[in-house]
Amino acid sequence: MRHRRYSHGSILIITTKHFIAVFFLSLCSLTSVEVFAQPVRVGFWTSGAMQGFGAVLEAGKFLEAEGLEPEFTHFADINGPTRAIATGSIDVAFTPIAGTFGLAADGAPIKIVLATQVAEGDFMVATESPIHSLDDLKGKRLGTSPAGSSMQALTLAVLQHNHGFGAGSLTIVPGADPRLAQLLSQGDIDVGVLRRVVVDGLAQTSLRRIGTLDQEWKRMTKGSAPPLTAVAIARTDYARAHPGAIVEFVEGVIAATKWGGDHPDRVEKLLLGSAALDAATAGSSARQWSHVFIASLTSDDVATLHEMDRIFRDQAILEKAPPDDLIQPSAFQAAKGG
């Protein structure tokens, strides 16, 4: 078990971000004191962008550096961590937002402690297309992720709010990113909403960007936070019993996120090894790291989460609103203040 050791005669002070605790050690009767790492069970899914982030977080031992003893559980299914935290099989998890809202609305004892992944997408057209802005999309064929997905919901919301395209203004063609890129190249759709990692991998193709979901979202919300696709959540009972561990978890995720943005070459090498990604995917994932991953829970992020909840319910992705106290930024505030 990992632990920290302090010599006799010392005073151990854990700062406010770990909640203040002062221990006076006896100069005569004690030779040392050990502070053991706090165990925490962490879950994440191993597909898409989260596969790369999970590999970096685990291999880089960022949580261990903050004083935790993590036990990582990998889930092939994107909703696996959501189900596991609901049953108490894990303590903290990275989960998709719509699933998190739905879980909380059904009464699961969870709290959102960090926003972790951006819902990023580029509006792409063929280079020779006559479409030059999103205002030109009326009556056009729009390729985006399938109905019921966060990406489609957010895309339709910004197009309606910012450009007046309501139901019937567009023909929606659903599909995964590789399929949409293929349809674009074949001329079977007029515009496709593609993740930047995918666009990066298509750098040599004849596609042109006419807008981004990030820009359109900020225009709609008049805020600085991007739209989101994933968050970090904690079980309420674990957070109450181990508040300092949640702060340490948040600090570890912040450190891993920053490290990934600062060291794309090392991220690429790690993804080729630990995550077993192919060279093209590892390279594009590393280059686009800072566009995809964040570690934040500011007031603007909270406002974005509330707006996303409203959109999901307006589009019938969710039936009920989650509890008012679902979002808990206190651990992020403590981590940033330390």
Protein backbone atom coordinates (compact mmCIF):
# COMPACT_ATOMS: atom_id res chain seq x y z
CA MET A 1 0.00 0.00 0.00
CA ARG A 2 1.33 3.42 -0.91
CA HIS A 3 1.82 5.79 2.01
CA ARG A 4 3.49 9.01 3.03
CA ARG A 5 5.97 8.96 5.92
CA TYR A 6 6.72 11.87 8.26
CA SER A 7 9.67 11.91 10.70
CA HIS A 8 9.16 12.19 14.45
CA GLY A 9 9.00 15.66 15.93
CA SER A 10 7.23 17.07 12.87
CA ILE A 11 3.88 18.74 12.50
CA LEU A 12 1.71 17.44 9.68
CA ILE A 13 -0.49 20.13 8.17
CA ILE A 14 -2.92 19.22 5.41
CA THR A 15 -3.99 22.42 3.66
CA THR A 16 -7.59 23.53 3.36
CA LYS A 17 -7.95 21.82 0.01
CA HIS A 18 -7.51 18.50 1.85
CA PHE A 19 -9.39 19.76 4.92
CA ILE A 20 -7.25 20.97 7.84
CA ALA A 21 -5.87 18.37 10.22
CA VAL A 22 -2.98 19.05 12.58
CA PHE A 23 -1.21 16.25 14.44
CA PHE A 24 1.40 16.97 17.14
CA LEU A 25 3.82 14.06 17.35
CA SER A 26 5.40 13.09 20.62
CA LEU A 27 9.15 13.62 20.62
CA CYS A 28 9.59 10.80 23.10
CA SER A 29 7.13 8.05 22.33
CA LEU A 30 6.81 8.10 18.54
CA THR A 31 9.45 7.53 15.92
CA SER A 32 7.22 8.01 12.87
CA VAL A 33 3.64 8.30 11.67
CA GLU A 34 2.24 6.93 8.44
CA VAL A 35 -0.57 8.50 6.44
CA PHE A 36 -1.96 5.83 4.14
CA ALA A 37 -3.24 6.50 0.66
CA GLN A 38 -7.02 6.56 0.39
CA PRO A 39 -8.40 3.73 -1.77
CA VAL A 40 -10.78 4.78 -4.55
CA ARG A 41 -12.45 2.66 -7.23
CA VAL A 42 -12.40 4.46 -10.59
CA GLY A 43 -14.35 3.51 -13.71
CA PHE A 44 -14.08 4.67 -17.31
CA TRP A 45 -15.12 3.34 -20.71
CA THR A 46 -12.49 2.20 -23.19
CA SER A 47 -13.73 3.52 -26.50
CA GLY A 48 -13.59 6.84 -28.32
CA ALA A 49 -11.63 9.70 -26.83
CA MET A 50 -12.09 8.41 -23.28
CA GLN A 51 -9.91 5.42 -24.04
CA GLY A 52 -6.92 7.69 -24.53
CA PHE A 53 -7.61 9.84 -21.48
CA GLY A 54 -8.10 6.81 -19.26
CA ALA A 55 -4.82 5.34 -20.47
CA VAL A 56 -2.94 8.56 -19.65
CA LEU A 57 -4.59 8.93 -16.22
CA GLU A 58 -3.81 5.35 -15.28
CA ALA A 59 -0.32 4.95 -16.74
CA GLY A 60 0.80 8.39 -15.58
CA LYS A 61 -0.20 7.63 -11.95
CA PHE A 62 -1.67 11.11 -11.53
CA LEU A 63 -4.09 9.98 -8.84
CA GLU A 64 -1.34 8.22 -6.92
CA ALA A 65 0.68 11.44 -6.98
CA GLU A 66 -2.18 13.16 -5.13
CA GLY A 67 -2.23 10.55 -2.34
CA LEU A 68 -4.84 8.13 -3.65
CA GLU A 69 -4.70 4.38 -4.16
CA PRO A 70 -6.87 3.88 -7.25
CA GLU A 71 -8.34 0.64 -8.49
CA PHE A 72 -9.26 1.12 -12.15
CA THR A 73 -12.14 -0.72 -13.80
CA HIS A 74 -12.46 -0.62 -17.59
CA PHE A 75 -15.81 -0.87 -19.37
CA ALA A 76 -16.22 -1.65 -23.06
CA ASP A 77 -19.72 -0.15 -23.02
CA ILE A 78 -19.93 3.66 -22.73
CA ASN A 79 -22.76 3.26 -20.19
CA GLY A 80 -20.87 0.68 -18.14
CA PRO A 81 -19.44 3.17 -15.61
CA THR A 82 -22.88 4.74 -15.17
CA ARG A 83 -24.45 1.41 -14.27
CA ALA A 84 -21.53 0.41 -12.03
CA ILE A 85 -21.62 3.57 -9.94
CA ALA A 86 -25.38 3.19 -9.53
CA THR A 87 -24.87 -0.23 -7.97
CA GLY A 88 -21.97 0.88 -5.78
CA SER A 89 -19.38 -1.20 -7.63
CA ILE A 90 -17.16 1.87 -8.07
CA ASP A 91 -16.74 5.15 -6.20
CA VAL A 92 -16.01 7.66 -8.97
CA ALA A 93 -16.47 7.45 -12.73
CA PHE A 94 -16.25 9.25 -16.03
CA THR A 95 -19.71 9.17 -17.58
CA PRO A 96 -21.62 10.61 -20.57
CA ILE A 97 -23.75 13.59 -19.62
CA ALA A 98 -27.18 12.44 -20.80
CA GLY A 99 -26.77 9.14 -18.95
CA THR A 100 -25.62 10.98 -15.84
CA PHE A 101 -28.64 13.29 -15.85
CA GLY A 102 -30.97 10.34 -16.36
CA LEU A 103 -29.35 8.34 -13.56
CA ALA A 104 -29.62 11.25 -11.13
CA ALA A 105 -33.22 11.93 -12.14
CA ASP A 106 -34.04 8.33 -11.26
CA GLY A 107 -32.70 8.87 -7.74
CA ALA A 108 -29.17 7.49 -7.91
CA PRO A 109 -26.95 8.94 -5.12
CA ILE A 110 -24.35 10.70 -7.29
CA LYS A 111 -22.78 14.13 -7.67
CA ILE A 112 -21.05 15.74 -10.65
CA VAL A 113 -17.62 16.90 -9.44
CA LEU A 114 -15.90 17.89 -12.71
CA ALA A 115 -16.55 18.56 -16.39
CA THR A 116 -14.05 16.47 -18.34
CA GLN A 117 -14.79 16.24 -22.07
CA VAL A 118 -15.94 18.78 -24.64
CA ALA A 119 -18.74 18.02 -27.09
CA GLU A 120 -16.64 19.28 -29.98
CA GLY A 121 -17.64 19.10 -33.60
CA ASP A 122 -16.74 20.86 -36.84
CA PHE A 123 -19.31 21.65 -39.53
CA MET A 124 -17.56 20.40 -42.66
CA VAL A 125 -18.43 20.68 -46.36
CA ALA A 126 -16.68 19.61 -49.55
CA THR A 127 -14.10 22.13 -50.71
CA GLU A 128 -16.04 22.89 -53.90
CA SER A 129 -19.39 23.21 -52.08
CA PRO A 130 -21.40 26.42 -52.64
CA ILE A 131 -22.15 26.44 -48.89
CA HIS A 132 -19.98 29.02 -47.12
CA SER A 133 -21.75 29.56 -43.79
CA LEU A 134 -24.27 27.89 -41.55
CA ASP A 135 -26.89 30.38 -42.77
CA ASP A 136 -26.77 28.53 -46.12
CA LEU A 137 -28.03 25.22 -44.70
CA LYS A 138 -31.78 25.62 -45.19
CA GLY A 139 -33.12 22.64 -47.08
CA LYS A 140 -29.73 20.91 -47.07
CA ARG A 141 -28.76 17.40 -45.93
CA LEU A 142 -27.05 17.50 -42.53
CA GLY A 143 -25.03 14.52 -41.35
CA THR A 144 -24.75 14.18 -37.59
CA SER A 145 -24.74 11.53 -34.88
CA PRO A 146 -27.91 9.43 -34.40
CA ALA A 147 -31.15 10.66 -32.86
CA GLY A 148 -31.08 10.56 -29.08
CA SER A 149 -27.38 11.42 -28.91
CA SER A 150 -26.02 14.47 -27.10
CA MET A 151 -24.23 15.65 -30.24
CA GLN A 152 -27.35 15.69 -32.41
CA ALA A 153 -29.37 17.40 -29.67
CA LEU A 154 -26.79 20.15 -29.24
CA THR A 155 -26.32 20.58 -33.00
CA LEU A 156 -30.03 21.03 -33.65
CA ALA A 157 -30.38 23.39 -30.67
CA VAL A 158 -27.68 25.81 -31.87
CA LEU A 159 -28.87 25.73 -35.48
CA GLN A 160 -32.40 26.56 -34.40
CA HIS A 161 -31.42 29.27 -31.92
CA ASN A 162 -28.63 30.94 -33.93
CA HIS A 163 -29.87 30.42 -37.50
CA GLY A 164 -33.61 29.80 -37.25
CA PHE A 165 -33.60 26.24 -38.60
CA GLY A 166 -36.50 24.50 -36.93
CA ALA A 167 -38.00 21.07 -37.59
CA GLY A 168 -38.31 20.48 -41.31
CA SER A 169 -35.69 23.05 -42.30
CA LEU A 170 -33.03 20.36 -42.72
CA THR A 171 -32.84 16.74 -43.77
CA ILE A 172 -31.03 14.88 -40.99
CA VAL A 173 -28.80 11.98 -42.01
CA PRO A 174 -27.56 10.09 -38.92
CA GLY A 175 -24.30 8.19 -38.75
CA ALA A 176 -20.96 7.70 -37.03
CA ASP A 177 -18.10 10.06 -37.92
CA PRO A 178 -16.28 7.78 -40.41
CA ARG A 179 -19.55 7.13 -42.24
CA LEU A 180 -20.39 10.84 -42.36
CA ALA A 181 -16.94 11.64 -43.74
CA GLN A 182 -17.53 9.05 -46.45
CA LEU A 183 -20.97 10.47 -47.29
CA LEU A 184 -19.45 13.94 -47.56
CA SER A 185 -16.77 12.77 -49.96
CA GLN A 186 -19.41 11.02 -52.08
CA GLY A 187 -21.70 14.06 -52.17
CA ASP A 188 -24.51 12.20 -50.40
CA ILE A 189 -24.78 14.87 -47.68
CA ASP A 190 -24.15 18.61 -47.90
CA VAL A 191 -22.58 19.16 -44.49
CA GLY A 192 -21.34 16.85 -41.75
CA VAL A 193 -20.67 17.48 -38.06
CA LEU A 194 -17.38 15.69 -37.42
CA ARG A 195 -15.26 15.45 -34.30
CA ARG A 196 -11.98 17.31 -34.61
CA VAL A 197 -9.96 14.15 -34.04
CA VAL A 198 -11.61 12.72 -37.15
CA VAL A 199 -11.09 15.93 -39.13
CA ASP A 200 -7.43 15.90 -38.11
CA GLY A 201 -7.10 12.42 -39.55
CA LEU A 202 -8.70 13.62 -42.80
CA ALA A 203 -6.27 16.50 -43.26
CA GLN A 204 -5.38 15.44 -46.81
CA THR A 205 -9.00 15.25 -48.01
CA SER A 206 -10.91 17.98 -49.82
CA LEU A 207 -13.08 19.21 -46.94
CA ARG A 208 -13.64 22.74 -45.65
CA ARG A 209 -14.78 23.96 -42.21
CA ILE A 210 -17.67 26.44 -42.09
CA GLY A 211 -18.21 26.56 -38.33
CA THR A 212 -17.74 24.77 -35.02
CA LEU A 213 -20.19 23.55 -32.42
CA ASP A 214 -18.07 25.23 -29.73
CA GLN A 215 -18.42 28.67 -31.33
CA GLU A 216 -22.11 28.23 -31.99
CA TRP A 217 -22.74 27.07 -28.40
CA LYS A 218 -20.97 30.09 -26.89
CA ARG A 219 -22.92 32.37 -29.22
CA MET A 220 -26.18 30.79 -28.05
CA THR A 221 -25.39 30.77 -24.33
CA LYS A 222 -23.42 34.03 -24.30
CA GLY A 223 -20.92 32.27 -22.02
CA SER A 224 -17.30 31.15 -22.19
CA ALA A 225 -17.78 27.44 -21.43
CA PRO A 226 -17.92 24.89 -24.26
CA PRO A 227 -20.68 22.30 -24.63
CA LEU A 228 -19.85 19.07 -22.83
CA THR A 229 -20.12 15.37 -23.50
CA ALA A 230 -18.71 13.77 -20.33
CA VAL A 231 -18.25 14.50 -16.64
CA ALA A 232 -16.65 12.95 -13.58
CA ILE A 233 -19.11 11.84 -10.92
CA ALA A 234 -18.81 10.49 -7.39
CA ARG A 235 -21.13 8.45 -5.24
CA THR A 236 -22.64 10.68 -2.58
CA ASP A 237 -21.82 8.29 0.26
CA TYR A 238 -18.16 8.05 -0.76
CA ALA A 239 -17.87 11.84 -1.16
CA ARG A 240 -19.36 12.41 2.29
CA ALA A 241 -17.10 9.84 3.94
CA HIS A 242 -13.94 10.93 2.08
CA PRO A 243 -14.24 14.60 1.04
CA GLY A 244 -10.46 14.99 0.87
CA ALA A 245 -10.22 12.04 -1.53
CA ILE A 246 -12.63 13.74 -3.94
CA VAL A 247 -10.46 16.86 -3.91
CA GLU A 248 -7.41 14.70 -4.59
CA PHE A 249 -9.24 12.93 -7.40
CA VAL A 250 -10.11 16.28 -8.99
CA GLU A 251 -6.52 17.46 -8.61
CA GLY A 252 -5.25 14.31 -10.28
CA VAL A 253 -7.61 14.74 -13.24
CA ILE A 254 -6.60 18.40 -13.57
CA ALA A 255 -2.93 17.39 -13.60
CA ALA A 256 -3.48 14.63 -16.19
CA THR A 257 -5.47 16.96 -18.44
CA LYS A 258 -2.79 19.66 -18.34
CA TRP A 259 0.03 17.15 -18.83
CA GLY A 260 -1.64 15.73 -21.91
CA GLY A 261 -1.95 19.17 -23.48
CA ASP A 262 1.66 20.02 -22.67
CA HIS A 263 3.18 16.75 -23.93
CA PRO A 264 1.49 15.61 -27.17
CA ASP A 265 4.53 13.59 -28.25
CA ARG A 266 4.53 11.61 -25.01
CA VAL A 267 0.76 11.17 -25.17
CA GLU A 268 1.05 9.75 -28.69
CA LYS A 269 3.73 7.29 -27.58
CA LEU A 270 1.66 6.22 -24.58
CA LEU A 271 -1.48 5.74 -26.70
CA LEU A 272 0.44 3.58 -29.13
CA GLY A 273 1.46 1.39 -26.19
CA SER A 274 -0.98 1.35 -23.28
CA ALA A 275 -4.10 2.13 -25.29
CA ALA A 276 -3.00 0.05 -28.32
CA LEU A 277 -4.30 2.66 -30.76
CA ASP A 278 -3.15 2.68 -34.38
CA ALA A 279 -0.60 5.32 -35.36
CA ALA A 280 -3.07 7.63 -37.13
CA THR A 281 -5.58 7.62 -34.27
CA ALA A 282 -2.89 8.03 -31.60
CA GLY A 283 -1.36 10.97 -33.46
CA SER A 284 -4.63 12.83 -34.05
CA SER A 285 -5.80 12.16 -30.48
CA ALA A 286 -2.57 13.59 -29.08
CA ARG A 287 -2.65 16.67 -31.32
CA GLN A 288 -6.28 17.46 -30.47
CA TRP A 289 -6.01 16.69 -26.74
CA SER A 290 -6.56 20.27 -25.56
CA HIS A 291 -9.63 20.66 -27.79
CA VAL A 292 -11.24 17.53 -26.38
CA PHE A 293 -10.41 17.37 -22.67
CA ILE A 294 -10.97 19.88 -19.89
CA ALA A 295 -10.94 19.66 -16.10
CA SER A 296 -13.19 22.41 -14.85
CA LEU A 297 -16.40 23.19 -13.00
CA THR A 298 -16.69 26.98 -13.06
CA SER A 299 -19.96 28.87 -12.84
CA ASP A 300 -20.04 28.96 -16.66
CA ASP A 301 -19.63 25.17 -16.77
CA VAL A 302 -22.48 24.80 -14.30
CA ALA A 303 -24.65 27.08 -16.46
CA THR A 304 -23.77 24.97 -19.52
CA LEU A 305 -24.81 21.78 -17.72
CA HIS A 306 -28.15 23.32 -16.76
CA GLU A 307 -28.71 24.48 -20.36
CA MET A 308 -27.87 21.01 -21.68
CA ASP A 309 -30.37 19.45 -19.26
CA ARG A 310 -33.04 21.81 -20.62
CA ILE A 311 -32.20 20.91 -24.23
CA PHE A 312 -32.25 17.18 -23.51
CA ARG A 313 -35.69 17.44 -21.95
CA ASP A 314 -37.00 19.70 -24.74
CA GLN A 315 -35.91 17.06 -27.26
CA ALA A 316 -37.30 14.18 -25.17
CA ILE A 317 -33.89 12.61 -24.59
CA LEU A 318 -34.68 12.92 -20.88
CA GLU A 319 -38.09 12.76 -19.24
CA LYS A 320 -37.30 14.20 -15.82
CA ALA A 321 -35.04 16.91 -14.44
CA PRO A 322 -32.16 15.79 -12.19
CA PRO A 323 -31.97 17.05 -8.58
CA ASP A 324 -31.01 20.68 -8.06
CA ASP A 325 -27.94 19.66 -6.03
CA LEU A 326 -26.54 17.23 -8.61
CA ILE A 327 -23.66 19.54 -9.55
CA GLN A 328 -21.14 20.02 -6.72
CA PRO A 329 -18.25 22.37 -7.63
CA SER A 330 -16.79 22.49 -4.09
CA ALA A 331 -14.03 19.94 -4.77
CA PHE A 332 -12.96 21.81 -7.91
CA GLN A 333 -12.97 25.11 -5.99
CA ALA A 334 -10.87 23.57 -3.22
CA ALA A 335 -8.43 22.06 -5.73
CA LYS A 336 -7.99 25.35 -7.56
CA GLY A 337 -7.64 27.26 -4.32
CA GLY A 338 -4.89 25.09 -2.93
